[in-house]
Amino acid sequence: MRVVIAGGHGKIARILERQLAGRGDEVVGLIRNPDHADDVRAAGAEPVVFDLERDSADELAELIAGADAVVFAAGAGPGSGAARKDTVDRGGAVLLADAAERAGVRRYVMVSSMGAGRGGAGIEDEVFAAYQDAKKAADEDLMRRELDWTIVRPGGLTDEPGTGEVTMGAETGRGSIPREDVARVICAALDDPATAGLVTEVISGPTRVAVALAELTD
């Protein structure tokens, strides 16, 4: 499988790159900063420089042509303001979907955010509210498309070792999850065509990833 990951230098992305490359998949990590190329290579992926805020969908379509799947794992990141939450977390996801349609890449896995279905309503922190609004808009845009999409909405992210065990559902309640386990969920979703059309929150829990996904898609 050839998988292209937008936000290829992010923490989840680099874990995912290691997992996919480790099982023999061909992985491409899209990065904005060429200084990050060595880190992406070390994770087992081919780094490709592409700016989600400046470059075009046609240019991106050329880069992802022939891929079996794309994963959106990009984000404006800590310290960014409300404007970049929109241009990266929403705009970048939309750009990737536009490019996927043009390139004929049907499989799209979105790394979203817990509570994104509600957006920023009732959130006092202006920047976090903008982030949730951006995630909501990106998810809704993807759900309107005739792509084989899966939307994963993780809880609070940690750098603890993964356990391979999760709780998944439309609403799981608040909780945290190691980034390693989020990457495992993405891998499993990519492998299972039945997860197309699935929107799920995910936190740590008692159920193996494959079993949790199977229970949602039965």
Protein backbone atom coordinates (compact mmCIF):
# COMPACT_ATOMS: atom_id res chain seq x y z
CA MET A 1 0.00 0.00 0.00
CA ARG A 2 1.22 3.51 -0.85
CA VAL A 3 0.08 6.03 1.76
CA VAL A 4 0.63 9.80 1.65
CA ILE A 5 0.50 11.60 5.01
CA ALA A 6 -0.13 15.34 5.17
CA GLY A 7 1.66 16.79 8.17
CA GLY A 8 4.38 14.20 7.81
CA HIS A 9 6.60 15.61 10.55
CA GLY A 10 3.92 15.63 13.25
CA LYS A 11 4.14 13.34 16.25
CA ILE A 12 1.29 11.04 15.21
CA ALA A 13 2.49 11.10 11.60
CA ARG A 14 6.01 9.95 12.42
CA ILE A 15 4.71 7.11 14.58
CA LEU A 16 2.33 6.14 11.79
CA GLU A 17 5.17 6.28 9.26
CA ARG A 18 7.19 3.85 11.37
CA GLN A 19 4.25 1.49 11.74
CA LEU A 20 3.37 1.50 8.04
CA ALA A 21 6.96 1.26 6.82
CA GLY A 22 7.68 -1.47 9.36
CA ARG A 23 5.06 -3.71 7.80
CA GLY A 24 6.26 -3.02 4.26
CA ASP A 25 4.03 -0.19 3.08
CA GLU A 26 5.38 2.64 0.95
CA VAL A 27 4.95 5.91 2.83
CA VAL A 28 5.27 9.54 1.77
CA GLY A 29 5.34 12.33 4.35
CA LEU A 30 4.38 15.80 3.16
CA ILE A 31 6.35 18.48 5.01
CA ARG A 32 6.43 22.28 4.81
CA ASN A 33 9.93 22.69 6.23
CA PRO A 34 12.73 20.94 4.28
CA ASP A 35 14.79 20.85 7.48
CA HIS A 36 12.44 18.11 8.70
CA ALA A 37 13.28 15.74 5.85
CA ASP A 38 15.84 13.68 7.77
CA ASP A 39 13.38 13.06 10.62
CA VAL A 40 10.79 11.78 8.16
CA ARG A 41 13.33 9.53 6.45
CA ALA A 42 14.36 8.16 9.84
CA ALA A 43 10.71 7.19 10.40
CA GLY A 44 10.76 5.17 7.17
CA ALA A 45 8.94 7.59 4.87
CA GLU A 46 9.89 9.54 1.77
CA PRO A 47 9.81 13.27 2.58
CA VAL A 48 8.17 15.55 0.01
CA VAL A 49 8.09 19.32 0.51
CA PHE A 50 4.61 20.77 0.06
CA ASP A 51 2.99 23.78 1.72
CA LEU A 52 -0.69 23.21 2.45
CA GLU A 53 -1.24 26.95 2.90
CA ARG A 54 0.49 28.14 -0.26
CA ASP A 55 0.52 25.40 -2.89
CA SER A 56 -2.38 24.31 -5.07
CA ALA A 57 -4.68 21.29 -5.21
CA ASP A 58 -3.48 20.56 -8.75
CA GLU A 59 0.13 20.45 -7.55
CA LEU A 60 -0.84 18.18 -4.69
CA ALA A 61 -2.86 15.92 -7.00
CA GLU A 62 0.30 15.31 -9.02
CA LEU A 63 2.20 14.36 -5.85
CA ILE A 64 -0.39 11.88 -4.59
CA ALA A 65 -1.28 10.31 -7.94
CA GLY A 66 -1.00 6.54 -7.68
CA ALA A 67 -1.39 6.46 -3.90
CA ASP A 68 -3.78 3.97 -2.32
CA ALA A 69 -4.71 6.30 0.54
CA VAL A 70 -4.09 9.70 2.07
CA VAL A 71 -4.04 10.61 5.75
CA PHE A 72 -4.57 14.13 7.07
CA ALA A 73 -2.45 14.50 10.20
CA ALA A 74 -1.44 18.14 9.78
CA GLY A 75 -2.12 20.94 12.23
CA ALA A 76 -1.15 24.52 12.84
CA GLY A 77 0.33 23.41 16.14
CA PRO A 78 0.81 24.96 19.58
CA GLY A 79 1.35 28.69 19.62
CA SER A 80 -0.51 29.34 16.38
CA GLY A 81 -3.43 31.75 16.31
CA ALA A 82 -7.02 31.39 15.23
CA ALA A 83 -6.28 32.35 11.63
CA ARG A 84 -3.86 29.46 11.09
CA LYS A 85 -6.27 27.01 12.69
CA ASP A 86 -8.50 27.81 9.75
CA THR A 87 -5.87 27.82 7.01
CA VAL A 88 -4.18 24.60 8.14
CA ASP A 89 -6.66 22.50 10.12
CA ARG A 90 -9.58 23.29 7.82
CA GLY A 91 -8.02 24.62 4.62
CA GLY A 92 -5.28 22.01 4.47
CA ALA A 93 -7.76 19.16 4.96
CA VAL A 94 -10.01 20.54 2.23
CA LEU A 95 -7.05 20.96 -0.11
CA LEU A 96 -6.04 17.32 0.43
CA ALA A 97 -9.59 16.18 -0.30
CA ASP A 98 -9.71 18.29 -3.47
CA ALA A 99 -6.41 16.78 -4.57
CA ALA A 100 -7.53 13.25 -3.74
CA GLU A 101 -10.61 13.66 -5.92
CA ARG A 102 -8.55 15.02 -8.81
CA ALA A 103 -5.95 12.25 -8.49
CA GLY A 104 -8.53 9.47 -8.13
CA VAL A 105 -7.38 8.53 -4.62
CA ARG A 106 -10.56 7.43 -2.88
CA ARG A 107 -9.30 6.45 0.58
CA TYR A 108 -8.95 9.33 3.05
CA VAL A 109 -8.39 9.04 6.80
CA MET A 110 -8.81 12.23 8.82
CA VAL A 111 -7.19 12.81 12.20
CA SER A 112 -9.75 15.11 13.78
CA SER A 113 -10.45 16.13 17.37
CA MET A 114 -12.73 14.92 20.14
CA GLY A 115 -15.84 17.10 20.22
CA ALA A 116 -15.30 18.37 16.66
CA GLY A 117 -18.92 17.60 15.86
CA ARG A 118 -19.93 20.47 18.16
CA GLY A 119 -17.25 22.86 16.98
CA GLY A 120 -16.20 25.73 19.21
CA ALA A 121 -19.61 26.53 20.65
CA GLY A 122 -19.37 27.32 24.37
CA ILE A 123 -15.56 27.24 24.47
CA GLU A 124 -14.14 30.34 26.16
CA ASP A 125 -10.60 30.01 24.82
CA GLU A 126 -10.77 31.85 21.49
CA VAL A 127 -7.97 29.92 19.81
CA PHE A 128 -9.21 26.50 20.94
CA ALA A 129 -12.72 27.43 19.82
CA ALA A 130 -11.30 28.36 16.40
CA TYR A 131 -9.47 25.02 16.31
CA GLN A 132 -12.65 23.08 17.03
CA ASP A 133 -14.57 25.14 14.47
CA ALA A 134 -11.88 24.37 11.90
CA LYS A 135 -12.01 20.65 12.67
CA LYS A 136 -15.80 20.64 12.47
CA ALA A 137 -15.74 22.38 9.10
CA ALA A 138 -13.06 20.03 7.75
CA ASP A 139 -14.96 16.95 8.89
CA GLU A 140 -18.23 18.20 7.42
CA ASP A 141 -16.55 19.01 4.11
CA LEU A 142 -15.10 15.50 3.93
CA MET A 143 -18.39 13.85 4.84
CA ARG A 144 -20.08 15.57 1.89
CA ARG A 145 -17.65 14.03 -0.59
CA GLU A 146 -17.91 10.73 -2.41
CA LEU A 147 -14.62 9.50 -1.04
CA ASP A 148 -14.04 6.43 1.14
CA TRP A 149 -13.37 8.51 4.23
CA THR A 150 -12.87 7.64 7.88
CA ILE A 151 -12.76 10.31 10.59
CA VAL A 152 -10.88 9.53 13.82
CA ARG A 153 -11.44 11.91 16.75
CA PRO A 154 -8.89 11.19 19.50
CA GLY A 155 -9.11 12.40 23.07
CA GLY A 156 -6.23 14.07 24.88
CA LEU A 157 -2.97 13.00 23.28
CA THR A 158 -0.05 11.67 25.32
CA ASP A 159 3.44 10.42 24.52
CA GLU A 160 3.10 7.34 26.74
CA PRO A 161 3.73 3.92 25.18
CA GLY A 162 0.66 2.55 23.46
CA THR A 163 -1.23 -0.43 24.80
CA GLY A 164 -3.12 -1.41 21.66
CA GLU A 165 -6.36 -1.20 23.64
CA VAL A 166 -8.99 1.50 23.15
CA THR A 167 -12.57 2.61 23.61
CA MET A 168 -14.26 3.79 20.41
CA GLY A 169 -17.68 5.17 19.59
CA ALA A 170 -19.59 8.20 18.36
CA GLU A 171 -19.12 9.68 21.84
CA THR A 172 -16.72 8.00 24.25
CA GLY A 173 -16.68 10.59 27.00
CA ARG A 174 -13.54 12.48 27.92
CA GLY A 175 -10.26 10.64 28.13
CA SER A 176 -6.72 10.47 26.86
CA ILE A 177 -4.87 8.19 24.46
CA PRO A 178 -1.22 7.65 23.52
CA ARG A 179 -0.34 8.89 20.05
CA GLU A 180 1.01 5.43 19.33
CA ASP A 181 -2.48 3.98 19.73
CA VAL A 182 -4.01 6.65 17.50
CA ALA A 183 -1.56 5.57 14.82
CA ARG A 184 -2.59 1.95 15.36
CA VAL A 185 -6.21 2.91 14.84
CA ILE A 186 -5.31 4.65 11.57
CA CYS A 187 -3.38 1.59 10.36
CA ALA A 188 -6.30 -0.68 11.18
CA ALA A 189 -8.76 1.65 9.49
CA LEU A 190 -6.65 1.76 6.34
CA ASP A 191 -6.71 -2.05 6.26
CA ASP A 192 -10.48 -2.36 6.69
CA PRO A 193 -12.73 -1.11 3.84
CA ALA A 194 -15.71 -1.43 6.18
CA THR A 195 -14.50 1.62 8.11
CA ALA A 196 -15.33 3.88 5.15
CA GLY A 197 -18.03 6.31 6.30
CA LEU A 198 -17.13 5.86 9.98
CA VAL A 199 -16.81 8.80 12.39
CA THR A 200 -15.49 7.75 15.78
CA GLU A 201 -13.97 9.16 18.92
CA VAL A 202 -11.18 7.12 20.48
CA ILE A 203 -9.59 7.05 23.93
CA SER A 204 -7.67 4.43 25.87
CA GLY A 205 -9.79 1.51 26.98
CA PRO A 206 -10.05 -2.25 27.40
CA THR A 207 -10.62 -3.40 23.80
CA ARG A 208 -8.07 -4.34 21.17
CA VAL A 209 -8.06 -1.92 18.25
CA ALA A 210 -9.15 -4.44 15.62
CA VAL A 211 -11.98 -5.69 17.82
CA ALA A 212 -13.15 -2.16 18.63
CA LEU A 213 -13.30 -1.28 14.94
CA ALA A 214 -15.07 -4.52 14.07
CA GLU A 215 -17.72 -3.81 16.70
CA LEU A 216 -18.36 -0.39 15.14
CA THR A 217 -18.65 -1.70 11.58
CA ASP A 218 -20.75 -4.85 12.17
